[in-house]
């Protein structure tokens, strides 16, 4: 009986910056297609940036 499965996917931590860039890219697509609220997407990206800035500041203390 195996105790560990080396073929099982291991979740990787995603850096926040690429996530923010992805959200902003989505906002640009929404702006072009008029298929949703780009303002809501931009607000989400802004909140992610604020959260990351807070984490970076508090981790340096």
PDB file of N, CA and C in Angstrom:
ATOM      1  N   UNK A   1       0.843  -1.189   0.000  1.00  0.00           N
ATOM      2  CA  UNK A   1       0.000   0.000   0.000  1.00  0.00           C
ATOM      3  C   UNK A   1       0.883   1.247   0.000  1.00  0.00           C
ATOM      4  N   UNK A   2       0.618   2.139  -0.940  1.00  0.00           N
ATOM      5  CA  UNK A   2       1.432   3.350  -1.057  1.00  0.00           C
ATOM      6  C   UNK A   2       0.941   4.422  -0.085  1.00  0.00           C
ATOM      7  N   UNK A   3       1.891   5.127   0.509  1.00  0.00           N
ATOM      8  CA  UNK A   3       1.513   6.205   1.426  1.00  0.00           C
ATOM      9  C   UNK A   3       1.518   7.560   0.744  1.00  0.00           C
ATOM     10  N   UNK A   4       2.256   7.663  -0.362  1.00  0.00           N
ATOM     11  CA  UNK A   4       2.274   8.932  -1.086  1.00  0.00           C
ATOM     12  C   UNK A   4       2.158   8.660  -2.580  1.00  0.00           C
ATOM     13  N   UNK A   5       1.496   9.545  -3.265  1.00  0.00           N
ATOM     14  CA  UNK A   5       1.293   9.401  -4.702  1.00  0.00           C
ATOM     15  C   UNK A   5       2.039  10.527  -5.404  1.00  0.00           C
ATOM     16  N   UNK A   6       3.160  10.188  -6.019  1.00  0.00           N
ATOM     17  CA  UNK A   6       3.968  11.228  -6.651  1.00  0.00           C
ATOM     18  C   UNK A   6       3.319  11.780  -7.913  1.00  0.00           C
ATOM     19  N   UNK A   7       2.302  11.087  -8.439  1.00  0.00           N
ATOM     20  CA  UNK A   7       1.634  11.574  -9.643  1.00  0.00           C
ATOM     21  C   UNK A   7       0.501  12.547  -9.321  1.00  0.00           C
ATOM     22  N   UNK A   8       0.180  12.692  -8.045  1.00  0.00           N
ATOM     23  CA  UNK A   8      -0.891  13.611  -7.652  1.00  0.00           C
ATOM     24  C   UNK A   8      -0.440  15.048  -7.881  1.00  0.00           C
ATOM     25  N   UNK A   9      -1.325  15.884  -8.423  1.00  0.00           N
ATOM     26  CA  UNK A   9      -0.947  17.286  -8.643  1.00  0.00           C
ATOM     27  C   UNK A   9      -0.711  18.011  -7.324  1.00  0.00           C
ATOM     28  N   UNK A  10       0.289  18.829  -7.315  1.00  0.00           N
ATOM     29  CA  UNK A  10       0.613  19.623  -6.130  1.00  0.00           C
ATOM     30  C   UNK A  10       0.199  21.057  -6.411  1.00  0.00           C
ATOM     31  N   UNK A  11      -0.684  21.620  -5.581  1.00  0.00           N
ATOM     32  CA  UNK A  11      -1.101  23.005  -5.828  1.00  0.00           C
ATOM     33  C   UNK A  11       0.083  23.957  -5.688  1.00  0.00           C
ATOM     34  N   UNK A  12       0.210  24.827  -6.636  1.00  0.00           N
ATOM     35  CA  UNK A  12       1.294  25.810  -6.603  1.00  0.00           C
ATOM     36  C   UNK A  12       0.749  27.144  -6.133  1.00  0.00           C
ATOM     37  N   UNK A  13       1.548  27.847  -5.358  1.00  0.00           N
ATOM     38  CA  UNK A  13       1.141  29.184  -4.934  1.00  0.00           C
ATOM     39  C   UNK A  13       1.301  30.124  -6.111  1.00  0.00           C
ATOM     40  N   UNK A  14       0.249  30.869  -6.406  1.00  0.00           N
ATOM     41  CA  UNK A  14       0.309  31.821  -7.516  1.00  0.00           C
ATOM     42  C   UNK A  14       0.676  33.189  -6.973  1.00  0.00           C
ATOM     43  N   UNK A  15       1.640  33.822  -7.585  1.00  0.00           N
ATOM     44  CA  UNK A  15       1.958  35.183  -7.169  1.00  0.00           C
ATOM     45  C   UNK A  15       0.781  36.114  -7.455  1.00  0.00           C
ATOM     46  N   UNK A  16       0.598  37.103  -6.611  1.00  0.00           N
ATOM     47  CA  UNK A  16      -0.550  37.997  -6.752  1.00  0.00           C
ATOM     48  C   UNK A  16      -0.425  38.881  -7.986  1.00  0.00           C
ATOM     49  N   UNK A  17       0.751  39.345  -8.312  1.00  0.00           N
ATOM     50  CA  UNK A  17       0.898  40.273  -9.443  1.00  0.00           C
ATOM     51  C   UNK A  17       0.310  39.703 -10.726  1.00  0.00           C
ATOM     52  N   UNK A  18       0.632  38.453 -11.140  1.00  0.00           N
ATOM     53  CA  UNK A  18      -0.001  37.928 -12.351  1.00  0.00           C
ATOM     54  C   UNK A  18      -1.520  37.843 -12.237  1.00  0.00           C
ATOM     55  N   UNK A  19      -2.032  37.603 -11.041  1.00  0.00           N
ATOM     56  CA  UNK A  19      -3.481  37.564 -10.852  1.00  0.00           C
ATOM     57  C   UNK A  19      -4.067  38.947 -11.120  1.00  0.00           C
ATOM     58  N   UNK A  20      -3.444  39.983 -10.590  1.00  0.00           N
ATOM     59  CA  UNK A  20      -3.915  41.350 -10.809  1.00  0.00           C
ATOM     60  C   UNK A  20      -3.849  41.689 -12.289  1.00  0.00           C
ATOM     61  N   UNK A  21      -2.758  41.322 -12.946  1.00  0.00           N
ATOM     62  CA  UNK A  21      -2.633  41.594 -14.377  1.00  0.00           C
ATOM     63  C   UNK A  21      -3.725  40.879 -15.163  1.00  0.00           C
ATOM     64  N   UNK A  22      -4.071  39.659 -14.755  1.00  0.00           N
ATOM     65  CA  UNK A  22      -5.142  38.915 -15.415  1.00  0.00           C
ATOM     66  C   UNK A  22      -6.477  39.610 -15.223  1.00  0.00           C
ATOM     67  N   UNK A  23      -6.729  40.092 -14.013  1.00  0.00           N
ATOM     68  CA  UNK A  23      -7.986  40.790 -13.739  1.00  0.00           C
ATOM     69  C   UNK A  23      -8.072  42.067 -14.569  1.00  0.00           C
ATOM     70  N   UNK A  24      -6.976  42.806 -14.647  1.00  0.00           N
ATOM     71  CA  UNK A  24      -6.983  44.037 -15.440  1.00  0.00           C
ATOM     72  C   UNK A  24      -7.163  43.736 -16.925  1.00  0.00           C
ATOM     73  N   UNK A  25      -6.578  42.653 -17.401  1.00  0.00           N
ATOM     74  CA  UNK A  25      -6.772  42.257 -18.797  1.00  0.00           C
ATOM     75  C   UNK A  25      -8.239  41.910 -19.042  1.00  0.00           C
ATOM     76  N   UNK A  26      -8.864  41.251 -18.076  1.00  0.00           N
ATOM     77  CA  UNK A  26     -10.289  40.933 -18.197  1.00  0.00           C
ATOM     78  C   UNK A  26     -11.115  42.211 -18.258  1.00  0.00           C
ATOM     79  N   UNK A  27     -10.738  43.208 -17.475  1.00  0.00           N
ATOM     80  CA  UNK A  27     -11.462  44.484 -17.505  1.00  0.00           C
ATOM     81  C   UNK A  27     -11.357  45.126 -18.878  1.00  0.00           C
ATOM     82  N   UNK A  28     -10.195  45.030 -19.510  1.00  0.00           N
ATOM     83  CA  UNK A  28     -10.028  45.593 -20.850  1.00  0.00           C
ATOM     84  C   UNK A  28     -10.908  44.876 -21.859  1.00  0.00           C
ATOM     85  N   UNK A  29     -11.009  43.552 -21.763  1.00  0.00           N
ATOM     86  CA  UNK A  29     -11.868  42.789 -22.671  1.00  0.00           C
ATOM     87  C   UNK A  29     -13.319  43.188 -22.466  1.00  0.00           C
ATOM     88  N   UNK A  30     -13.723  43.331 -21.198  1.00  0.00           N
ATOM     89  CA  UNK A  30     -15.102  43.724 -20.901  1.00  0.00           C
ATOM     90  C   UNK A  30     -15.382  45.107 -21.473  1.00  0.00           C
ATOM     91  N   UNK A  31     -14.423  46.026 -21.360  1.00  0.00           N
ATOM     92  CA  UNK A  31     -14.598  47.363 -21.934  1.00  0.00           C
ATOM     93  C   UNK A  31     -14.856  47.285 -23.432  1.00  0.00           C
ATOM     94  N   UNK A  32     -14.117  46.432 -24.117  1.00  0.00           N
ATOM     95  CA  UNK A  32     -14.235  46.325 -25.571  1.00  0.00           C
ATOM     96  C   UNK A  32     -15.534  45.648 -25.989  1.00  0.00           C
ATOM     97  N   UNK A  33     -15.973  44.633 -25.233  1.00  0.00           N
ATOM     98  CA  UNK A  33     -17.150  43.854 -25.634  1.00  0.00           C
ATOM     99  C   UNK A  33     -18.441  44.391 -25.038  1.00  0.00           C
ATOM    100  N   UNK A  34     -18.337  45.273 -24.041  1.00  0.00           N
ATOM    101  CA  UNK A  34     -19.519  45.800 -23.342  1.00  0.00           C
ATOM    102  C   UNK A  34     -20.365  44.661 -22.769  1.00  0.00           C
ATOM    103  N   UNK A  35     -19.709  43.574 -22.352  1.00  0.00           N
ATOM    104  CA  UNK A  35     -20.426  42.386 -21.886  1.00  0.00           C
ATOM    105  C   UNK A  35     -20.540  42.311 -20.365  1.00  0.00           C
ATOM    106  N   UNK A  36     -20.114  43.329 -19.664  1.00  0.00           N
ATOM    107  CA  UNK A  36     -20.184  43.273 -18.215  1.00  0.00           C
ATOM    108  C   UNK A  36     -19.730  44.582 -17.609  1.00  0.00           C
ATOM    109  N   UNK A  37     -19.526  44.575 -16.319  1.00  0.00           N
ATOM    110  CA  UNK A  37     -19.130  45.782 -15.614  1.00  0.00           C
ATOM    111  C   UNK A  37     -17.617  45.810 -15.410  1.00  0.00           C
ATOM    112  N   UNK A  38     -16.935  46.543 -16.259  1.00  0.00           N
ATOM    113  CA  UNK A  38     -15.483  46.677 -16.126  1.00  0.00           C
ATOM    114  C   UNK A  38     -15.123  47.366 -14.814  1.00  0.00           C
ATOM    115  N   UNK A  39     -15.990  48.252 -14.345  1.00  0.00           N
ATOM    116  CA  UNK A  39     -15.723  48.948 -13.084  1.00  0.00           C
ATOM    117  C   UNK A  39     -15.640  47.954 -11.926  1.00  0.00           C
ATOM    118  N   UNK A  40     -16.499  46.943 -11.940  1.00  0.00           N
ATOM    119  CA  UNK A  40     -16.465  45.932 -10.881  1.00  0.00           C
ATOM    120  C   UNK A  40     -15.160  45.144 -10.941  1.00  0.00           C
ATOM    121  N   UNK A  41     -14.711  44.813 -12.148  1.00  0.00           N
ATOM    122  CA  UNK A  41     -13.470  44.064 -12.300  1.00  0.00           C
ATOM    123  C   UNK A  41     -12.290  44.914 -11.854  1.00  0.00           C
ATOM    124  N   UNK A  42     -12.292  46.198 -12.234  1.00  0.00           N
ATOM    125  CA  UNK A  42     -11.210  47.096 -11.818  1.00  0.00           C
ATOM    126  C   UNK A  42     -11.191  47.237 -10.301  1.00  0.00           C
ATOM    127  N   UNK A  43     -12.356  47.320  -9.696  1.00  0.00           N
ATOM    128  CA  UNK A  43     -12.433  47.432  -8.235  1.00  0.00           C
ATOM    129  C   UNK A  43     -11.851  46.184  -7.576  1.00  0.00           C
ATOM    130  N   UNK A  44     -12.144  45.018  -8.124  1.00  0.00           N
ATOM    131  CA  UNK A  44     -11.582  43.775  -7.588  1.00  0.00           C
ATOM    132  C   UNK A  44     -10.060  43.786  -7.696  1.00  0.00           C
ATOM    133  N   UNK A  45      -9.544  44.236  -8.835  1.00  0.00           N
ATOM    134  CA  UNK A  45      -8.092  44.313  -9.018  1.00  0.00           C
ATOM    135  C   UNK A  45      -7.481  45.293  -8.022  1.00  0.00           C
ATOM    136  N   UNK A  46      -8.149  46.408  -7.804  1.00  0.00           N
ATOM    137  CA  UNK A  46      -7.652  47.412  -6.856  1.00  0.00           C
ATOM    138  C   UNK A  46      -7.611  46.825  -5.443  1.00  0.00           C
ATOM    139  N   UNK A  47      -8.640  46.085  -5.072  1.00  0.00           N
ATOM    140  CA  UNK A  47      -8.673  45.471  -3.746  1.00  0.00           C
ATOM    141  C   UNK A  47      -7.556  44.448  -3.589  1.00  0.00           C
ATOM    142  N   UNK A  48      -7.280  43.685  -4.658  1.00  0.00           N
ATOM    143  CA  UNK A  48      -6.183  42.723  -4.608  1.00  0.00           C
ATOM    144  C   UNK A  48      -4.861  43.454  -4.408  1.00  0.00           C
ATOM    145  N   UNK A  49      -4.671  44.556  -5.130  1.00  0.00           N
ATOM    146  CA  UNK A  49      -3.440  45.331  -4.992  1.00  0.00           C
ATOM    147  C   UNK A  49      -3.304  45.879  -3.579  1.00  0.00           C
ATOM    148  N   UNK A  50      -4.389  46.388  -3.008  1.00  0.00           N
ATOM    149  CA  UNK A  50      -4.360  46.928  -1.649  1.00  0.00           C
ATOM    150  C   UNK A  50      -4.004  45.828  -0.652  1.00  0.00           C
ATOM    151  N   UNK A  51      -4.608  44.655  -0.818  1.00  0.00           N
ATOM    152  CA  UNK A  51      -4.350  43.535   0.083  1.00  0.00           C
ATOM    153  C   UNK A  51      -2.894  43.113   0.006  1.00  0.00           C
ATOM    154  N   UNK A  52      -2.366  43.020  -1.205  1.00  0.00           N
ATOM    155  CA  UNK A  52      -0.969  42.623  -1.383  1.00  0.00           C
ATOM    156  C   UNK A  52      -0.033  43.662  -0.784  1.00  0.00           C
ATOM    157  N   UNK A  53      -0.330  44.929  -0.962  1.00  0.00           N
ATOM    158  CA  UNK A  53       0.503  45.989  -0.397  1.00  0.00           C
ATOM    159  C   UNK A  53       0.506  45.905   1.124  1.00  0.00           C
ATOM    160  N   UNK A  54      -0.641  45.629   1.707  1.00  0.00           N
ATOM    161  CA  UNK A  54      -0.750  45.495   3.156  1.00  0.00           C
ATOM    162  C   UNK A  54       0.057  44.298   3.643  1.00  0.00           C
ATOM    163  N   UNK A  55      -0.030  43.173   2.931  1.00  0.00           N
ATOM    164  CA  UNK A  55       0.735  41.981   3.313  1.00  0.00           C
ATOM    165  C   UNK A  55       2.225  42.260   3.241  1.00  0.00           C
ATOM    166  N   UNK A  56       2.667  42.920   2.166  1.00  0.00           N
ATOM    167  CA  UNK A  56       4.090  43.215   2.009  1.00  0.00           C
ATOM    168  C   UNK A  56       4.580  44.142   3.106  1.00  0.00           C
ATOM    169  N   UNK A  57       3.790  45.144   3.458  1.00  0.00           N
ATOM    170  CA  UNK A  57       4.176  46.100   4.490  1.00  0.00           C
ATOM    171  C   UNK A  57       4.255  45.418   5.852  1.00  0.00           C
ATOM    172  N   UNK A  58       3.250  44.616   6.194  1.00  0.00           N
ATOM    173  CA  UNK A  58       3.229  43.979   7.506  1.00  0.00           C
ATOM    174  C   UNK A  58       4.282  42.883   7.617  1.00  0.00           C
ATOM    175  N   UNK A  59       4.640  42.234   6.512  1.00  0.00           N
ATOM    176  CA  UNK A  59       5.654  41.185   6.583  1.00  0.00           C
ATOM    177  C   UNK A  59       7.057  41.759   6.721  1.00  0.00           C
ATOM    178  N   UNK A  60       7.236  43.032   6.381  1.00  0.00           N
ATOM    179  CA  UNK A  60       8.545  43.661   6.494  1.00  0.00           C
ATOM    180  C   UNK A  60       8.789  44.221   7.888  1.00  0.00           C
ATOM    181  N   UNK A  61       7.750  44.315   8.701  1.00  0.00           N
ATOM    182  CA  UNK A  61       7.905  44.869  10.054  1.00  0.00           C
ATOM    183  C   UNK A  61       8.542  43.890  10.999  1.00  0.00           C
TER     184      UNK A  61
END
